[in-house]
Amino acid sequence: MSTPKTEVSTMLQTLSDDVNYEDIQYHLYVLEKVNRGLERVEIEGAISHEVVKDRLSRWLVC
């Protein structure tokens, strides 16, 4: 598992040289949200696609 410092360093290396602070903040936001989602899946598990489709079919009218 990589550290936040190495993840940010890798992310910065992938951005273009003319990136602005707002773009960097957005990429940090997305990186944090993805990592939190992955942690949540590890802790709580995930719901299968079929279960999600079944649950949504009760709410959606096609």
C-alpha atoms as a PDB file:
ATOM      1  CA  MET A   1       0.000   0.000   0.000  1.00  0.00           C
ATOM      2  CA  SER A   2       1.399   3.369  -0.948  1.00  0.00           C
ATOM      3  CA  THR A   3       1.471   6.382   1.326  1.00  0.00           C
ATOM      4  CA  PRO A   4      -0.471   9.585   0.692  1.00  0.00           C
ATOM      5  CA  LYS A   5       2.815  11.367   0.010  1.00  0.00           C
ATOM      6  CA  THR A   6       3.801   8.935  -2.743  1.00  0.00           C
ATOM      7  CA  GLU A   7       0.287   9.006  -4.223  1.00  0.00           C
ATOM      8  CA  VAL A   8       0.343  12.814  -4.396  1.00  0.00           C
ATOM      9  CA  SER A   9       3.841  12.784  -5.863  1.00  0.00           C
ATOM     10  CA  THR A  10       2.763  10.317  -8.547  1.00  0.00           C
ATOM     11  CA  MET A  11      -0.364  12.352  -9.269  1.00  0.00           C
ATOM     12  CA  LEU A  12       1.655  15.564  -9.644  1.00  0.00           C
ATOM     13  CA  GLN A  13       4.035  13.884 -12.079  1.00  0.00           C
ATOM     14  CA  THR A  14       1.124  12.920 -14.333  1.00  0.00           C
ATOM     15  CA  LEU A  15      -0.198  16.492 -14.564  1.00  0.00           C
ATOM     16  CA  SER A  16       0.984  18.927 -17.214  1.00  0.00           C
ATOM     17  CA  ASP A  17       3.492  21.631 -16.315  1.00  0.00           C
ATOM     18  CA  ASP A  18       0.959  24.422 -16.813  1.00  0.00           C
ATOM     19  CA  VAL A  19      -1.512  23.038 -14.250  1.00  0.00           C
ATOM     20  CA  ASN A  20      -3.022  25.566 -11.837  1.00  0.00           C
ATOM     21  CA  TYR A  21      -3.791  25.275  -8.119  1.00  0.00           C
ATOM     22  CA  GLU A  22      -7.484  24.688  -8.741  1.00  0.00           C
ATOM     23  CA  ASP A  23      -6.717  21.691 -10.973  1.00  0.00           C
ATOM     24  CA  ILE A  24      -4.363  20.267  -8.352  1.00  0.00           C
ATOM     25  CA  GLN A  25      -7.023  20.678  -5.650  1.00  0.00           C
ATOM     26  CA  TYR A  26      -9.572  18.906  -7.840  1.00  0.00           C
ATOM     27  CA  HIS A  27      -7.219  15.981  -8.482  1.00  0.00           C
ATOM     28  CA  LEU A  28      -6.454  15.728  -4.752  1.00  0.00           C
ATOM     29  CA  TYR A  29     -10.187  15.727  -4.020  1.00  0.00           C
ATOM     30  CA  VAL A  30     -10.825  12.912  -6.505  1.00  0.00           C
ATOM     31  CA  LEU A  31      -7.841  10.911  -5.215  1.00  0.00           C
ATOM     32  CA  GLU A  32      -9.129  11.207  -1.637  1.00  0.00           C
ATOM     33  CA  LYS A  33     -12.680  10.203  -2.607  1.00  0.00           C
ATOM     34  CA  VAL A  34     -11.452   7.145  -4.519  1.00  0.00           C
ATOM     35  CA  ASN A  35      -9.253   6.059  -1.618  1.00  0.00           C
ATOM     36  CA  ARG A  36     -12.103   6.491   0.877  1.00  0.00           C
ATOM     37  CA  GLY A  37     -14.363   4.436  -1.356  1.00  0.00           C
ATOM     38  CA  LEU A  38     -11.794   1.660  -1.616  1.00  0.00           C
ATOM     39  CA  GLU A  39     -11.320   1.660   2.165  1.00  0.00           C
ATOM     40  CA  ARG A  40     -15.078   1.444   2.659  1.00  0.00           C
ATOM     41  CA  VAL A  41     -15.302  -1.538   0.313  1.00  0.00           C
ATOM     42  CA  GLU A  42     -12.541  -3.289   2.281  1.00  0.00           C
ATOM     43  CA  ILE A  43     -14.330  -2.662   5.586  1.00  0.00           C
ATOM     44  CA  GLU A  44     -17.978  -3.088   4.630  1.00  0.00           C
ATOM     45  CA  GLY A  45     -17.763  -5.114   1.445  1.00  0.00           C
ATOM     46  CA  ALA A  46     -19.462  -4.287  -1.814  1.00  0.00           C
ATOM     47  CA  ILE A  47     -22.907  -4.876  -3.266  1.00  0.00           C
ATOM     48  CA  SER A  48     -23.069  -6.941  -6.442  1.00  0.00           C
ATOM     49  CA  HIS A  49     -24.340  -5.431  -9.666  1.00  0.00           C
ATOM     50  CA  GLU A  50     -27.320  -7.783  -9.672  1.00  0.00           C
ATOM     51  CA  VAL A  51     -28.384  -6.715  -6.172  1.00  0.00           C
ATOM     52  CA  VAL A  52     -28.141  -3.049  -7.153  1.00  0.00           C
ATOM     53  CA  LYS A  53     -30.217  -3.664 -10.293  1.00  0.00           C
ATOM     54  CA  ASP A  54     -32.839  -5.475  -8.220  1.00  0.00           C
ATOM     55  CA  ARG A  55     -33.035  -2.671  -5.650  1.00  0.00           C
ATOM     56  CA  LEU A  56     -33.234   0.033  -8.315  1.00  0.00           C
ATOM     57  CA  SER A  57     -35.920  -1.822 -10.246  1.00  0.00           C
ATOM     58  CA  ARG A  58     -38.237  -1.251  -7.291  1.00  0.00           C
ATOM     59  CA  TRP A  59     -37.729   2.519  -7.582  1.00  0.00           C
ATOM     60  CA  LEU A  60     -37.345   3.066 -11.307  1.00  0.00           C
ATOM     61  CA  VAL A  61     -40.248   2.882 -13.687  1.00  0.00           C
ATOM     62  CA  CYS A  62     -39.166   1.984 -17.201  1.00  0.00           C
END
